Protein backbone atom coordinates (compact mmCIF):
# COMPACT_ATOMS: atom_id res chain seq x y z
CA MET A 1 136.87 -174.55 -43.51
CA ALA A 2 133.85 -176.85 -43.76
CA GLU A 3 133.50 -179.08 -46.36
CA LYS A 4 131.35 -178.87 -49.55
CA ALA A 5 128.90 -181.32 -48.10
CA GLN A 6 128.08 -179.47 -45.20
CA TYR A 7 127.65 -176.56 -47.25
CA GLU A 8 124.59 -178.45 -49.21
CA GLU A 9 123.17 -180.08 -45.76
CA LEU A 10 122.81 -176.21 -44.34
CA ILE A 11 121.27 -175.26 -47.92
CA ARG A 12 118.75 -178.48 -47.26
CA GLN A 13 118.56 -177.31 -43.77
CA PHE A 14 117.72 -173.91 -44.68
CA SER A 15 114.63 -175.23 -46.60
CA ALA A 16 113.39 -176.91 -44.12
CA PHE A 17 113.18 -174.25 -41.61
CA GLY A 18 110.88 -172.42 -43.87
CA ALA A 19 108.11 -174.94 -41.75
CA VAL A 20 109.11 -173.21 -38.64
CA LYS A 21 108.89 -169.83 -39.66
CA ARG A 22 105.20 -170.65 -41.44
CA GLU A 23 104.41 -171.88 -37.97
CA MET A 24 105.47 -168.89 -36.60
CA GLY A 25 103.66 -166.78 -39.10
CA ARG A 26 100.47 -168.68 -38.66
CA LEU A 27 101.00 -167.45 -34.83
CA LEU A 28 100.62 -163.96 -35.90
CA PRO A 29 97.33 -162.02 -35.44
CA SER A 30 95.35 -161.81 -38.92
CA ASP A 31 95.98 -157.94 -39.21
CA CYS A 32 99.53 -158.08 -38.72
CA PRO A 33 101.23 -159.88 -41.15
CA GLY A 34 105.04 -160.33 -40.98
CA GLY A 35 106.47 -157.16 -42.40
CA SER A 36 104.12 -155.28 -39.82
CA VAL A 37 105.82 -157.31 -37.02
CA ALA A 38 109.30 -156.17 -38.42
CA VAL A 39 108.53 -152.34 -37.98
CA LEU A 40 106.84 -152.86 -34.68
CA THR A 41 110.20 -154.72 -34.02
CA LEU A 42 112.62 -152.13 -34.89
CA LEU A 43 110.90 -149.44 -33.84
CA GLY A 44 110.29 -151.19 -30.55
CA ARG A 45 114.08 -151.90 -30.15
CA HIS A 46 115.59 -148.80 -31.85
CA GLY A 47 113.08 -146.13 -30.45
CA ASP A 48 111.79 -143.49 -32.87
CA MET A 49 113.46 -143.02 -36.21
CA ARG A 50 112.98 -141.28 -40.00
CA MET A 51 111.52 -143.88 -42.66
CA SER A 52 114.72 -143.98 -44.44
CA LYS A 53 116.60 -145.72 -41.39
CA LEU A 54 113.45 -148.00 -40.82
CA ALA A 55 114.07 -148.70 -44.81
CA GLU A 56 117.59 -149.69 -44.40
CA LEU A 57 117.25 -151.59 -41.37
CA LEU A 58 114.49 -153.70 -42.85
CA ALA A 59 116.83 -154.12 -45.95
CA VAL A 60 114.06 -153.30 -48.50
CA ASP A 61 113.04 -150.67 -50.66
CA MET A 62 111.53 -147.02 -49.19
CA SER A 63 107.80 -148.09 -51.16
CA VAL A 64 108.18 -151.31 -48.80
CA THR A 65 108.61 -149.62 -46.22
CA SER A 66 105.96 -147.11 -46.48
CA ARG A 67 103.38 -149.57 -46.89
CA HIS A 68 104.13 -151.44 -43.83
CA VAL A 69 104.40 -148.19 -42.18
CA ALA A 70 101.18 -146.93 -43.75
CA HIS A 71 99.51 -150.55 -42.35
CA GLY A 72 100.92 -150.32 -38.62
CA ALA A 73 99.70 -146.23 -38.32
CA GLU A 74 96.10 -147.36 -39.47
CA ARG A 75 95.81 -149.54 -36.98
CA GLY A 76 97.49 -147.16 -34.23
CA TRP A 77 100.41 -148.97 -33.69
CA ILE A 78 102.64 -146.44 -35.46
CA GLU A 79 102.37 -142.58 -35.33
CA ARG A 80 104.57 -140.84 -37.57
CA PHE A 81 105.21 -136.79 -36.90
CA PRO A 82 107.02 -134.06 -38.67
CA ASP A 83 110.94 -134.23 -37.77
CA PRO A 84 112.32 -131.10 -36.32
CA ALA A 85 115.71 -131.40 -38.42
CA ASP A 86 114.05 -131.36 -41.38
CA LYS A 87 109.97 -130.76 -42.00
CA ARG A 88 109.80 -132.79 -44.96
CA SER A 89 110.80 -135.73 -43.06
CA ARG A 90 108.42 -137.73 -41.10
CA ILE A 91 109.90 -139.69 -37.54
CA LEU A 92 108.40 -142.67 -36.71
CA ARG A 93 107.40 -143.79 -33.08
CA LEU A 94 105.92 -147.18 -31.66
CA THR A 95 102.48 -146.11 -29.79
CA SER A 96 101.53 -148.06 -27.21
CA ALA A 97 99.12 -149.95 -28.91
CA GLY A 98 102.19 -151.42 -31.20
CA GLN A 99 103.87 -151.66 -28.07
CA ASP A 100 101.07 -154.10 -27.01
CA GLN A 101 100.65 -156.19 -30.35
CA LEU A 102 104.83 -156.54 -29.97
CA ASP A 103 104.04 -157.87 -26.63
CA GLU A 104 101.70 -160.26 -27.28
CA ILE A 105 103.31 -161.54 -30.68
CA ALA A 106 106.77 -162.14 -28.49
CA GLU A 107 104.19 -163.86 -25.84
CA ARG A 108 102.94 -166.08 -28.56
CA THR A 109 106.02 -166.57 -29.94
CA THR A 110 107.60 -167.31 -26.62
CA GLN A 111 104.96 -169.80 -25.95
CA LEU A 112 105.37 -171.49 -29.35
CA LEU A 113 109.03 -171.94 -29.24
CA SER A 114 108.55 -173.43 -25.45
CA HIS A 115 106.34 -175.94 -26.49
CA ARG A 116 108.80 -177.12 -29.47
CA LEU A 117 111.88 -176.90 -27.56
CA SER A 118 110.58 -178.17 -24.64
CA ASP A 119 113.34 -181.67 -24.90
CA TRP A 120 115.80 -179.39 -25.81
CA SER A 121 118.54 -178.54 -23.17
CA ASP A 122 119.32 -174.71 -21.72
CA ASP A 123 123.03 -175.32 -23.30
CA GLU A 124 121.49 -176.69 -26.81
CA VAL A 125 118.52 -173.21 -26.83
CA GLY A 126 121.64 -171.09 -25.93
CA GLN A 127 123.96 -172.73 -28.53
CA LEU A 128 121.47 -172.53 -31.26
CA SER A 129 120.64 -168.62 -30.14
CA ARG A 130 124.71 -167.88 -30.51
CA LEU A 131 124.94 -169.65 -33.95
CA MET A 132 121.78 -167.76 -35.33
CA ALA A 133 123.43 -164.64 -34.20
CA ARG A 134 126.81 -165.50 -35.98
CA LEU A 135 125.35 -166.69 -39.04
CA ARG A 136 123.20 -163.65 -39.04
CA ALA A 137 126.55 -161.57 -38.58
CA SER A 138 128.42 -162.97 -41.24
CA PHE A 139 125.59 -162.16 -43.77
CA ASP A 140 125.38 -158.86 -42.44
CA ASP A 141 129.61 -158.64 -42.56
CA CYS A 142 129.00 -159.43 -46.40
CA ARG A 143 126.31 -157.02 -47.80
CA ALA A 144 129.15 -154.89 -49.04
CA PRO A 145 129.66 -155.60 -52.89
CA ALA A 146 133.53 -155.86 -52.64
CA ALA A 147 132.65 -159.01 -50.12
CA ARG A 148 130.38 -160.94 -52.21
CA PRO A 149 131.40 -164.61 -52.91
CA PRO A 150 132.60 -165.09 -56.79
CA ALA A 151 130.20 -165.76 -59.45
CA LEU A 152 130.09 -169.28 -60.46
CA SER A 153 131.07 -170.73 -64.30
CA GLY A 154 128.32 -172.35 -66.54
CA ASP A 155 129.13 -175.77 -64.86
CA GLU A 156 129.69 -175.04 -61.29
CA GLN A 157 126.00 -172.98 -61.74
CA SER A 158 124.22 -176.53 -63.45
CA THR A 159 125.99 -178.83 -60.92
CA ARG A 160 125.28 -176.66 -57.70
CA THR A 161 122.49 -177.55 -55.18
CA PRO A 162 119.55 -175.19 -55.79
CA ALA A 163 119.06 -172.48 -53.50
CA ILE A 164 116.52 -172.27 -51.04
CA THR A 165 113.30 -174.17 -51.43
CA THR A 166 110.03 -175.11 -50.05
């Protein structure tokens, strides 16, 4: 297991990563905020699905998911139609305009990463990708309440490094 100082450095790096996320966010078309990109990405990756499944994949409340879907539907990126198995539910589908939007965002993001990481080797880019996927999987595995870390004592809370800040 890594030492405390290594975890503290990770916290600092996560905080600094906010600048990367902000720059990537500036690439998005003005009418396509990050939440909409997430919805389009999941529909593109997983195909048609119910709103409840999308909310689960986004790990957000149904009301938040509904707002993102409405935004995408208003722009013609998503279509909603009755679920044949349950007429009260709706199935969401990415439209060709939504796929075009997703393709444009992917192209912009790829160009940015290609430019910013131009001095990285293919192996380094691959290693970063593998480690980020592993980190994400470690957090996905820990979503169950039983897997949460123990609460900190009052002394530990006052001395720990603050959570991610920008």
